[in-house]
Amino acid sequence: MSMRVLMVHPSGLMYSEIFLRLEPLGVERVAAAARAAGHQVRLVDLQVFSHDELSGEIGEFEPDAIGFGVNYLANVPEVLDLARRLKRLRPDRFVFMGGHSVSFIADHVLRQADGALDAVVRGDGEPIIGRLLDAVEGGADADDLSRLPGVVSASGGGPAPLLAAGLDDYRPARDLTRRRRKYFIGELDPCASIEFTRGCPWDCSFCSAWTFYGRSYRKASPEVAAAELASITERGVFIVDDVAFIRPEHGDGIAAEIERRGVDKDYYLETRADVLLRNREVFERWRRLGLRYMFLGIEALDGAGLDAYRKRVSVDENMHAVELARAMGIAVAINLIVDPAWETAQFAAVRAFAESVPEIVHLSVMTPYPGTEIWHTQARDLVTRDYRLFDIQHAVLPTTLPLPVFYRELVKTQAVINRKHLGLAGLTQVAGIAGRLALHGQTNFLRMLWRFNRVYNGSRQYADHQREVRYELPMPSLTGAQPGRTDLYVHSRPPRHAAS
């Protein structure tokens, strides 16, 4: 016997309307694990499918279970509304949710669902999905489900989540992902995604990657990583690791396997300045293999900001890393965090910096997320708990400037990207690339060049605050207090083999 299982990824967020739209890698991996457990699985990605198409898929497939992968808080209201609708249509269908962000607030989300969700899965989904579905198929009730590791039901939660022992099992079920030509990041159009490592050993105050994994760090073997790369049909590949090539021997090992197999791809990745500086040879080797673009999380242009975020890197190191990437011929997208306390002078300084460097400068608004330290120390100051505004593009903390002025300054600063890299200027720089992609039917990148002013609009962002709020985030239990490190962990017991 087996269950019919439909896995669903929610709709895209604001920034995905322009800069990227990535394949739902986490959902693909959980889908692979469910299929390995003997269940029939399909996948619908609402980034590229409509709600009506989802309804059609459900009517045709008639799934026994529907699981939503929710990595971003801003998607929670959409999923809760869908869950309520699904339960009304067929109350006996098992509906569940999992993912990074909801793992920190599973009890709260379950209560908000008011019976529309049967369970929320905390932590890694791959090692528990088979057991969960088998239990449901066997007639398990809420009490039975709550005894499964990481599963929260109406009866509460039981044992801690299971940590996937490694990344070699359950290669993403990419064959289940349709309309793959819709996935892109910048000029890599189309673009697949791949995961070489999982976890982050740093402890930045604004980030929940390290708290989610309990500071564990796991790696795919070079052989499996290279074999997966070789199986990917897209030329563009985004390496989604929180910090790429922390361990140089691992990066070299995968590179050696790629060279042996003759894999020819173009790569995009994200890393830290100090990792790039320390492991220069690895990045140079990957540049020869096709590394074209990287995100560098600079976060702040001054030492005080870096200290506040606990980046454990200096301003000089950050700038040196940018220069090094530039010398290697790797295009860099610099990310900076906008403090809601900024006044016009700080915005002007960032605009001047963005104009002075050839790199793209992205801005994200400082946002306390559940699972981060600043959630506990700053959440009492929140001006909204509307899930939809927790997308790093809206201000959820008090702004020094009047909110409409804050957004005006934010968009004015982000517009440097539009002026230098998008629109007519962008098309002039990349006309050959855009033309080649268009000849192959790929228009994601070309469309991106003209969308900035429609998507990034201060009036639109301010208006988002005026919407009716049906679902709100909970308040943290330790409001205003500095939490203990392990109090924040979802996975509390890293495996012995995890790198430290």
Protein backbone atom coordinates (compact mmCIF):
# COMPACT_ATOMS: atom_id res chain seq x y z
CA MET A 1 0.00 0.00 0.00
CA SER A 2 1.06 3.58 -0.54
CA MET A 3 -0.38 7.04 -0.19
CA ARG A 4 -0.83 9.63 -2.91
CA VAL A 5 1.14 12.64 -1.67
CA LEU A 6 1.16 16.12 -3.15
CA MET A 7 4.02 18.40 -2.10
CA VAL A 8 3.43 22.13 -2.57
CA HIS A 9 5.81 25.09 -2.57
CA PRO A 10 4.15 28.49 -1.90
CA SER A 11 4.12 31.53 -4.17
CA GLY A 12 7.14 33.76 -4.72
CA LEU A 13 8.00 36.81 -2.62
CA MET A 14 8.67 40.40 -3.63
CA TYR A 15 12.32 40.05 -4.64
CA SER A 16 11.53 36.96 -6.74
CA GLU A 17 9.60 39.20 -9.11
CA ILE A 18 12.91 40.61 -10.33
CA PHE A 19 16.17 39.06 -9.23
CA LEU A 20 15.60 35.33 -8.95
CA ARG A 21 13.15 32.47 -8.90
CA LEU A 22 14.74 29.30 -7.58
CA GLU A 23 13.61 25.72 -7.86
CA PRO A 24 12.06 24.40 -4.60
CA LEU A 25 15.07 22.32 -3.63
CA GLY A 26 13.97 21.54 -0.08
CA VAL A 27 10.55 20.34 -1.21
CA GLU A 28 12.20 18.26 -3.95
CA ARG A 29 14.40 16.54 -1.38
CA VAL A 30 11.50 15.74 0.94
CA ALA A 31 9.51 14.53 -2.07
CA ALA A 32 12.38 12.19 -2.93
CA ALA A 33 12.39 10.82 0.62
CA ALA A 34 8.63 10.26 0.51
CA ARG A 35 8.95 8.45 -2.80
CA ALA A 36 11.81 6.33 -1.45
CA ALA A 37 9.44 5.27 1.34
CA GLY A 38 7.11 3.82 -1.31
CA HIS A 39 4.54 6.59 -1.73
CA GLN A 40 3.24 8.14 -4.97
CA VAL A 41 4.38 11.75 -5.05
CA ARG A 42 3.66 14.81 -7.16
CA LEU A 43 4.87 18.38 -6.71
CA VAL A 44 3.32 21.76 -7.51
CA ASP A 45 5.37 24.95 -7.21
CA LEU A 46 3.12 28.00 -6.84
CA GLN A 47 5.99 30.20 -7.96
CA VAL A 48 5.22 28.98 -11.48
CA PHE A 49 1.71 27.49 -11.12
CA SER A 50 -1.51 29.31 -10.22
CA HIS A 51 -3.91 28.46 -7.41
CA ASP A 52 -6.42 27.35 -10.03
CA GLU A 53 -3.87 24.97 -11.49
CA LEU A 54 -3.20 23.62 -7.99
CA SER A 55 -6.93 22.95 -7.61
CA GLY A 56 -6.92 21.13 -10.94
CA GLU A 57 -3.98 19.01 -9.88
CA ILE A 58 -5.70 18.07 -6.62
CA GLY A 59 -8.89 17.16 -8.48
CA GLU A 60 -7.04 14.95 -10.94
CA PHE A 61 -4.53 13.32 -8.54
CA GLU A 62 -6.84 13.13 -5.49
CA PRO A 63 -3.97 13.06 -2.97
CA ASP A 64 -4.40 11.44 0.42
CA ALA A 65 -1.88 13.86 1.93
CA ILE A 66 -0.79 17.38 1.02
CA GLY A 67 2.40 18.84 2.44
CA PHE A 68 3.49 22.47 2.23
CA GLY A 69 7.16 23.45 2.38
CA VAL A 70 7.29 26.85 4.09
CA ASN A 71 10.76 28.31 4.39
CA TYR A 72 9.62 31.94 4.57
CA LEU A 73 7.33 33.55 7.13
CA ALA A 74 5.71 35.74 4.49
CA ASN A 75 4.16 32.62 2.93
CA VAL A 76 2.40 31.43 6.10
CA PRO A 77 -0.93 33.27 5.49
CA GLU A 78 -1.21 31.88 1.96
CA VAL A 79 -0.61 28.33 3.18
CA LEU A 80 -3.01 28.65 6.11
CA ASP A 81 -5.75 29.87 3.77
CA LEU A 82 -5.06 27.00 1.35
CA ALA A 83 -5.09 24.49 4.20
CA ARG A 84 -8.47 25.74 5.41
CA ARG A 85 -9.91 25.45 1.92
CA LEU A 86 -8.54 21.93 1.47
CA LYS A 87 -9.95 20.74 4.78
CA ARG A 88 -13.39 22.11 3.93
CA LEU A 89 -13.36 20.21 0.65
CA ARG A 90 -12.18 16.92 2.17
CA PRO A 91 -11.87 16.79 5.97
CA ASP A 92 -10.27 13.32 6.00
CA ARG A 93 -7.28 14.42 3.89
CA PHE A 94 -4.01 14.74 5.86
CA VAL A 95 -2.61 18.27 5.53
CA PHE A 96 0.75 19.20 6.98
CA MET A 97 3.44 21.85 6.84
CA GLY A 98 7.19 21.97 7.37
CA GLY A 99 10.17 24.16 6.62
CA HIS A 100 12.77 26.43 8.15
CA SER A 101 10.73 29.37 9.45
CA VAL A 102 7.71 27.43 10.74
CA SER A 103 10.00 25.12 12.71
CA PHE A 104 10.51 27.90 15.26
CA ILE A 105 6.81 28.63 15.73
CA ALA A 106 5.17 25.26 15.02
CA ASP A 107 2.76 25.33 17.99
CA HIS A 108 1.57 28.83 17.14
CA VAL A 109 0.97 28.07 13.45
CA LEU A 110 -0.90 24.91 14.34
CA ARG A 111 -3.22 26.88 16.61
CA GLN A 112 -3.78 29.51 13.92
CA ALA A 113 -4.78 26.78 11.48
CA ASP A 114 -7.70 25.93 13.77
CA GLY A 115 -7.87 22.30 12.67
CA ALA A 116 -6.91 22.88 9.02
CA LEU A 117 -3.42 21.49 9.65
CA ASP A 118 -2.98 17.99 11.03
CA ALA A 119 0.71 18.43 11.80
CA VAL A 120 3.74 20.69 11.52
CA VAL A 121 7.13 19.05 10.95
CA ARG A 122 10.08 20.75 12.67
CA GLY A 123 13.64 20.47 11.40
CA ASP A 124 14.99 18.31 8.57
CA GLY A 125 12.13 16.78 6.64
CA GLU A 126 13.93 13.95 4.85
CA PRO A 127 14.52 11.56 7.79
CA ILE A 128 10.96 11.74 9.16
CA ILE A 129 8.66 12.09 6.14
CA GLY A 130 8.51 8.34 5.45
CA ARG A 131 7.67 7.50 9.06
CA LEU A 132 5.05 10.27 9.19
CA LEU A 133 3.27 9.11 6.05
CA ASP A 134 3.43 5.47 7.10
CA ALA A 135 1.89 6.41 10.45
CA VAL A 136 -0.91 8.36 8.77
CA GLU A 137 -1.58 5.50 6.36
CA GLY A 138 -1.77 3.18 9.35
CA GLY A 139 -4.48 5.27 10.98
CA ALA A 140 -2.37 7.20 13.52
CA ASP A 141 -4.20 9.82 15.56
CA ALA A 142 -2.88 13.13 16.95
CA ASP A 143 -1.43 11.40 20.01
CA ASP A 144 0.45 8.91 17.84
CA LEU A 145 1.79 11.66 15.57
CA SER A 146 3.05 13.75 18.49
CA ARG A 147 5.33 10.87 19.47
CA LEU A 148 7.21 11.07 16.18
CA PRO A 149 10.49 13.05 16.30
CA GLY A 150 9.95 16.66 15.29
CA VAL A 151 6.23 16.26 14.58
CA VAL A 152 3.83 18.66 16.30
CA SER A 153 0.13 17.78 16.26
CA ALA A 154 -2.97 18.88 18.13
CA SER A 155 -1.70 16.73 21.01
CA GLY A 156 1.56 18.66 21.19
CA GLY A 157 5.11 17.83 20.23
CA GLY A 158 7.28 14.96 21.36
CA PRO A 159 10.91 14.02 20.71
CA ALA A 160 13.41 16.42 19.17
CA PRO A 161 13.60 16.50 15.35
CA LEU A 162 15.86 14.04 13.58
CA LEU A 163 18.95 15.49 11.96
CA ALA A 164 19.66 14.02 8.54
CA ALA A 165 22.91 12.10 8.91
CA GLY A 166 24.30 13.38 5.62
CA LEU A 167 23.38 14.87 2.27
CA ASP A 168 24.09 11.90 0.02
CA ASP A 169 20.69 10.30 0.39
CA TYR A 170 17.51 11.43 -1.35
CA ARG A 171 18.85 13.33 -4.33
CA PRO A 172 16.27 16.05 -5.16
CA ALA A 173 13.32 14.74 -7.19
CA ARG A 174 13.84 17.22 -10.02
CA ASP A 175 11.75 15.09 -12.35
CA LEU A 176 8.71 16.15 -10.30
CA THR A 177 9.35 19.86 -10.88
CA ARG A 178 7.63 21.09 -14.01
CA ARG A 179 8.22 24.37 -15.90
CA ARG A 180 11.86 24.27 -14.92
CA ARG A 181 12.68 26.90 -17.53
CA LYS A 182 11.00 29.43 -15.21
CA TYR A 183 13.84 29.15 -12.64
CA PHE A 184 16.64 31.68 -12.89
CA ILE A 185 19.01 33.92 -10.97
CA GLY A 186 20.32 36.99 -12.77
CA GLU A 187 21.91 35.99 -16.07
CA LEU A 188 21.77 32.27 -15.26
CA ASP A 189 18.53 31.60 -17.10
CA PRO A 190 17.43 28.87 -16.67
CA CYS A 191 19.13 27.85 -13.45
CA ALA A 192 19.00 24.77 -11.23
CA SER A 193 19.97 24.70 -7.55
CA ILE A 194 22.20 22.30 -5.64
CA GLU A 195 23.20 21.82 -2.01
CA PHE A 196 26.77 20.81 -1.16
CA THR A 197 26.62 21.56 2.58
CA ARG A 198 23.97 22.26 5.19
CA GLY A 199 24.43 24.48 8.24
CA CYS A 200 26.63 27.37 9.28
CA PRO A 201 29.24 27.46 12.07
CA TRP A 202 29.00 31.24 12.54
CA ASP A 203 26.50 32.90 14.88
CA CYS A 204 25.38 36.19 13.34
CA SER A 205 22.74 37.85 15.50
CA PHE A 206 20.30 38.44 12.62
CA CYS A 207 20.45 34.92 11.17
CA SER A 208 18.63 31.69 12.03
CA ALA A 209 20.67 29.28 9.90
CA TRP A 210 22.96 28.40 12.80
CA THR A 211 20.12 28.14 15.31
CA PHE A 212 18.05 25.90 13.07
CA TYR A 213 20.82 23.34 12.71
CA GLY A 214 22.26 23.70 16.20
CA ARG A 215 25.55 24.84 14.61
CA SER A 216 25.95 21.45 12.93
CA TYR A 217 27.60 21.30 9.53
CA ARG A 218 27.09 18.46 7.07
CA LYS A 219 28.52 17.81 3.64
CA ALA A 220 27.68 15.85 0.52
CA SER A 221 30.47 13.56 -0.60
CA PRO A 222 32.39 14.89 -3.62
CA GLU A 223 31.38 11.85 -5.68
CA VAL A 224 27.66 12.27 -5.03
CA ALA A 225 27.79 16.06 -5.45
CA ALA A 226 29.54 15.77 -8.82
CA ALA A 227 27.21 13.00 -9.98
CA GLU A 228 24.21 15.16 -9.14
CA LEU A 229 25.71 18.11 -11.01
CA ALA A 230 26.29 15.90 -14.03
CA SER A 231 22.61 14.88 -13.99
CA ILE A 232 21.35 18.47 -14.05
CA THR A 233 20.23 19.54 -17.51
CA GLU A 234 20.42 23.30 -16.93
CA ARG A 235 23.72 24.99 -17.63
CA GLY A 236 23.28 27.50 -14.79
CA VAL A 237 23.56 26.18 -11.23
CA PHE A 238 23.11 28.06 -7.96
CA ILE A 239 25.01 26.52 -5.05
CA VAL A 240 22.59 27.28 -2.21
CA ASP A 241 24.93 26.63 0.75
CA ASP A 242 24.70 29.29 3.45
CA VAL A 243 28.47 29.76 3.09
CA ALA A 244 30.19 28.07 0.17
CA PHE A 245 33.54 26.30 0.55
CA ILE A 246 34.08 26.75 4.27
CA ARG A 247 36.22 23.62 4.12
CA PRO A 248 38.71 24.03 1.27
CA GLU A 249 39.38 20.29 1.00
CA HIS A 250 35.66 19.72 0.38
CA GLY A 251 35.51 22.35 -2.36
CA ASP A 252 38.65 20.90 -3.92
CA GLY A 253 37.24 17.38 -3.72
CA ILE A 254 34.08 18.32 -5.61
CA ALA A 255 36.14 20.30 -8.12
CA ALA A 256 38.35 17.26 -8.79
CA GLU A 257 35.29 15.09 -9.43
CA ILE A 258 33.82 17.73 -11.75
CA GLU A 259 37.06 17.87 -13.69
CA ARG A 260 37.19 14.09 -13.92
CA ARG A 261 33.64 13.93 -15.24
CA GLY A 262 34.04 16.89 -17.57
CA VAL A 263 30.99 18.72 -16.14
CA ASP A 264 30.57 22.11 -17.82
CA LYS A 265 28.34 24.57 -15.94
CA ASP A 266 28.09 28.21 -14.91
CA TYR A 267 27.85 28.73 -11.15
CA TYR A 268 26.47 31.25 -8.68
CA LEU A 269 27.11 30.93 -4.94
CA GLU A 270 27.09 32.76 -1.62
CA THR A 271 30.02 33.05 0.76
CA ARG A 272 31.70 35.19 3.39
CA ALA A 273 34.57 37.61 2.86
CA ASP A 274 36.88 35.84 5.29
CA VAL A 275 36.20 32.45 3.68
CA LEU A 276 37.02 33.85 0.24
CA LEU A 277 40.25 35.39 1.52
CA ARG A 278 41.29 32.29 3.44
CA ASN A 279 40.47 29.83 0.66
CA ARG A 280 41.45 31.87 -2.38
CA GLU A 281 42.87 28.90 -4.29
CA VAL A 282 39.61 26.98 -4.08
CA PHE A 283 37.61 29.88 -5.50
CA GLU A 284 40.19 30.40 -8.25
CA ARG A 285 39.84 26.73 -9.17
CA TRP A 286 36.06 27.06 -9.27
CA ARG A 287 36.41 30.19 -11.37
CA ARG A 288 38.17 28.07 -13.95
CA LEU A 289 35.35 25.53 -13.70
CA GLY A 290 32.66 28.14 -14.37
CA LEU A 291 32.08 30.20 -11.21
CA ARG A 292 30.70 33.46 -12.59
CA TYR A 293 28.80 35.19 -9.78
CA MET A 294 28.72 35.32 -6.01
CA PHE A 295 26.79 36.93 -3.20
CA LEU A 296 29.01 38.44 -0.50
CA GLY A 297 27.23 39.16 2.74
CA ILE A 298 29.08 42.35 3.64
CA GLU A 299 26.05 43.53 5.71
CA ALA A 300 27.59 46.81 6.95
CA LEU A 301 30.12 49.40 5.78
CA ASP A 302 31.35 50.29 9.25
CA GLY A 303 32.83 48.41 12.18
CA ALA A 304 30.01 49.28 14.55
CA GLY A 305 27.46 47.68 12.25
CA LEU A 306 29.58 44.56 11.79
CA ASP A 307 29.99 44.23 15.55
CA ALA A 308 26.25 44.65 16.13
CA TYR A 309 25.54 41.82 13.68
CA ARG A 310 28.42 39.75 15.12
CA LYS A 311 29.88 39.15 11.68
CA ARG A 312 33.36 38.47 13.09
CA VAL A 313 34.97 40.12 10.09
CA SER A 314 36.47 43.59 9.57
CA VAL A 315 35.63 46.35 7.10
CA ASP A 316 39.07 45.93 5.51
CA GLU A 317 38.54 42.20 5.05
CA ASN A 318 35.19 42.81 3.40
CA MET A 319 36.59 45.32 0.94
CA HIS A 320 39.64 43.17 0.25
CA ALA A 321 37.35 40.24 -0.58
CA VAL A 322 35.35 42.37 -3.01
CA GLU A 323 38.57 43.45 -4.72
CA LEU A 324 39.81 39.86 -4.84
CA ALA A 325 36.62 38.60 -6.48
CA ARG A 326 36.81 41.47 -8.93
CA ALA A 327 40.41 40.55 -9.79
CA MET A 328 39.35 36.94 -10.36
CA GLY A 329 36.71 38.05 -12.80
CA ILE A 330 33.81 36.98 -10.59
CA ALA A 331 30.78 39.28 -10.61
CA VAL A 332 29.76 40.18 -7.06
CA ALA A 333 26.42 41.13 -5.55
CA ILE A 334 27.09 42.87 -2.23
CA ASN A 335 24.36 42.63 0.38
CA LEU A 336 23.92 45.39 2.95
CA ILE A 337 21.45 45.44 5.85
CA VAL A 338 19.34 48.57 6.23
CA ASP A 339 18.78 49.55 9.86
CA PRO A 340 15.27 50.99 10.36
CA ALA A 341 16.94 53.64 12.51
CA TRP A 342 18.75 55.07 9.48
CA GLU A 343 18.21 58.70 8.58
CA THR A 344 18.73 60.31 5.19
CA ALA A 345 22.49 60.65 5.74
CA GLN A 346 22.99 56.89 6.04
CA PHE A 347 20.97 56.24 2.90
CA ALA A 348 22.97 58.89 1.05
CA ALA A 349 26.23 57.27 2.16
CA VAL A 350 25.14 53.87 0.86
CA ARG A 351 24.05 55.42 -2.44
CA ALA A 352 27.46 57.01 -2.78
CA PHE A 353 29.13 53.66 -2.10
CA ALA A 354 26.89 51.84 -4.57
CA GLU A 355 27.69 54.41 -7.25
CA SER A 356 31.43 54.12 -6.59
CA VAL A 357 31.81 50.36 -7.11
CA PRO A 358 31.10 48.27 -10.20
CA GLU A 359 29.40 45.58 -8.14
CA ILE A 360 25.65 45.24 -7.63
CA VAL A 361 24.61 46.42 -4.15
CA HIS A 362 21.48 44.76 -2.75
CA LEU A 363 19.67 46.03 0.34
CA SER A 364 17.68 44.05 2.87
CA VAL A 365 15.85 45.59 5.80
CA MET A 366 16.90 44.35 9.23
CA THR A 367 14.15 42.00 10.35
CA PRO A 368 13.87 40.06 13.63
CA TYR A 369 12.92 36.53 12.66
CA PRO A 370 11.90 33.78 15.07
CA GLY A 371 15.01 31.75 15.72
CA THR A 372 17.36 34.74 15.69
CA GLU A 373 18.80 36.47 18.72
CA ILE A 374 17.36 39.82 17.67
CA TRP A 375 13.88 38.26 17.66
CA HIS A 376 14.15 38.01 21.42
CA THR A 377 15.95 41.28 22.03
CA GLN A 378 13.97 43.50 19.65
CA ALA A 379 10.59 41.85 19.07
CA ARG A 380 8.96 43.91 21.83
CA ASP A 381 9.53 46.94 19.59
CA LEU A 382 7.76 45.46 16.56
CA VAL A 383 5.25 47.78 14.91
CA THR A 384 3.61 44.88 13.10
CA ARG A 385 3.43 41.11 13.38
CA ASP A 386 1.87 40.63 9.96
CA TYR A 387 3.65 37.59 8.48
CA ARG A 388 3.48 39.06 4.99
CA LEU A 389 5.78 41.96 5.93
CA PHE A 390 8.55 39.70 7.20
CA ASP A 391 10.29 39.47 3.83
CA ILE A 392 13.38 41.69 4.44
CA GLN A 393 11.86 44.26 2.08
CA HIS A 394 9.52 45.87 4.62
CA ALA A 395 10.24 47.62 7.92
CA VAL A 396 8.69 45.79 10.88
CA LEU A 397 10.59 47.77 13.53
CA PRO A 398 10.07 51.48 14.22
CA THR A 399 11.75 53.73 11.67
CA THR A 400 13.43 56.99 12.62
CA LEU A 401 12.14 58.55 9.44
CA PRO A 402 8.39 58.65 8.85
CA LEU A 403 7.56 55.31 7.24
CA PRO A 404 6.66 56.74 3.79
CA VAL A 405 9.94 58.71 3.82
CA PHE A 406 11.87 55.60 4.88
CA TYR A 407 10.50 53.69 1.91
CA ARG A 408 11.18 56.61 -0.40
CA GLU A 409 14.82 56.66 0.70
CA LEU A 410 15.06 52.88 0.50
CA VAL A 411 13.72 52.73 -3.06
CA LYS A 412 15.84 55.71 -4.06
CA THR A 413 18.90 53.83 -2.85
CA GLN A 414 17.87 50.54 -4.45
CA ALA A 415 17.30 52.46 -7.68
CA VAL A 416 21.08 52.64 -8.10
CA ILE A 417 20.79 48.98 -9.14
CA ASN A 418 18.18 49.92 -11.71
CA ARG A 419 20.17 52.83 -13.04
CA LYS A 420 23.47 50.94 -13.32
CA HIS A 421 22.48 47.36 -14.03
CA LEU A 422 18.86 47.13 -15.19
CA GLY A 423 16.65 48.87 -17.71
CA LEU A 424 18.27 50.33 -20.82
CA ALA A 425 21.68 50.51 -19.13
CA GLY A 426 21.50 46.83 -18.20
CA LEU A 427 20.33 45.82 -21.66
CA THR A 428 23.19 47.77 -23.24
CA GLN A 429 25.68 45.88 -21.06
CA VAL A 430 24.22 42.44 -21.61
CA ALA A 431 22.52 42.71 -25.01
CA GLY A 432 24.39 39.66 -26.29
CA ILE A 433 23.36 37.56 -23.30
CA ALA A 434 19.73 38.69 -23.47
CA GLY A 435 19.62 38.02 -27.21
CA ARG A 436 21.11 34.54 -26.84
CA LEU A 437 18.66 33.65 -24.07
CA ALA A 438 15.71 35.00 -26.09
CA LEU A 439 16.71 32.85 -29.05
CA HIS A 440 16.43 29.83 -26.77
CA GLY A 441 13.04 30.93 -25.47
CA GLN A 442 14.42 32.15 -22.12
CA THR A 443 12.94 35.53 -21.20
CA ASN A 444 13.18 35.56 -17.38
CA PHE A 445 16.37 37.64 -17.43
CA LEU A 446 15.13 39.98 -20.15
CA ARG A 447 11.83 40.62 -18.34
CA MET A 448 13.72 41.31 -15.12
CA LEU A 449 15.49 44.28 -16.69
CA TRP A 450 12.25 46.26 -16.98
CA ARG A 451 10.40 45.37 -13.79
CA PHE A 452 12.22 47.37 -11.14
CA ASN A 453 10.04 50.46 -10.96
CA ARG A 454 6.85 48.41 -10.90
CA VAL A 455 8.03 46.08 -8.11
CA TYR A 456 10.18 48.38 -5.97
CA ASN A 457 7.83 51.23 -5.28
CA GLY A 458 7.69 53.11 -1.98
CA SER A 459 3.95 53.69 -2.25
CA ARG A 460 3.34 49.99 -2.80
CA GLN A 461 5.47 49.02 0.17
CA TYR A 462 3.79 51.56 2.44
CA ALA A 463 0.37 50.42 1.26
CA ASP A 464 1.25 46.86 2.25
CA HIS A 465 1.12 48.03 5.88
CA GLN A 466 -2.50 49.10 5.48
CA ARG A 467 -3.84 45.66 4.54
CA GLU A 468 -6.17 43.77 6.83
CA VAL A 469 -4.20 41.38 9.04
CA ARG A 470 -5.69 37.95 9.66
CA TYR A 471 -2.62 36.07 10.87
CA GLU A 472 0.05 37.44 13.18
CA LEU A 473 3.35 36.14 14.49
CA PRO A 474 3.54 35.21 18.18
CA MET A 475 5.54 37.23 20.67
CA PRO A 476 8.70 35.47 21.89
CA SER A 477 8.66 34.09 25.42
CA LEU A 478 11.99 35.75 26.24
CA THR A 479 11.13 39.23 25.02
CA GLY A 480 13.93 41.66 25.77
CA ALA A 481 16.22 38.99 27.22
CA GLN A 482 19.42 37.63 25.72
CA PRO A 483 18.55 33.97 25.14
CA GLY A 484 20.91 31.10 25.76
CA ARG A 485 22.43 29.68 22.60
CA THR A 486 20.90 26.23 22.87
CA ASP A 487 17.50 27.73 23.72
CA LEU A 488 17.30 28.84 20.08
CA TYR A 489 18.17 25.49 18.51
CA VAL A 490 15.71 23.41 16.51
CA HIS A 491 18.23 20.60 16.14
CA SER A 492 19.79 20.39 19.58
CA ARG A 493 22.17 17.48 19.20
CA PRO A 494 24.60 17.76 16.30
CA PRO A 495 25.89 14.39 15.15
CA ARG A 496 29.41 13.43 16.24
CA HIS A 497 30.70 13.46 12.71
CA ALA A 498 29.59 17.07 12.07
CA ALA A 499 32.41 19.48 11.44
CA SER A 500 32.96 22.04 14.16
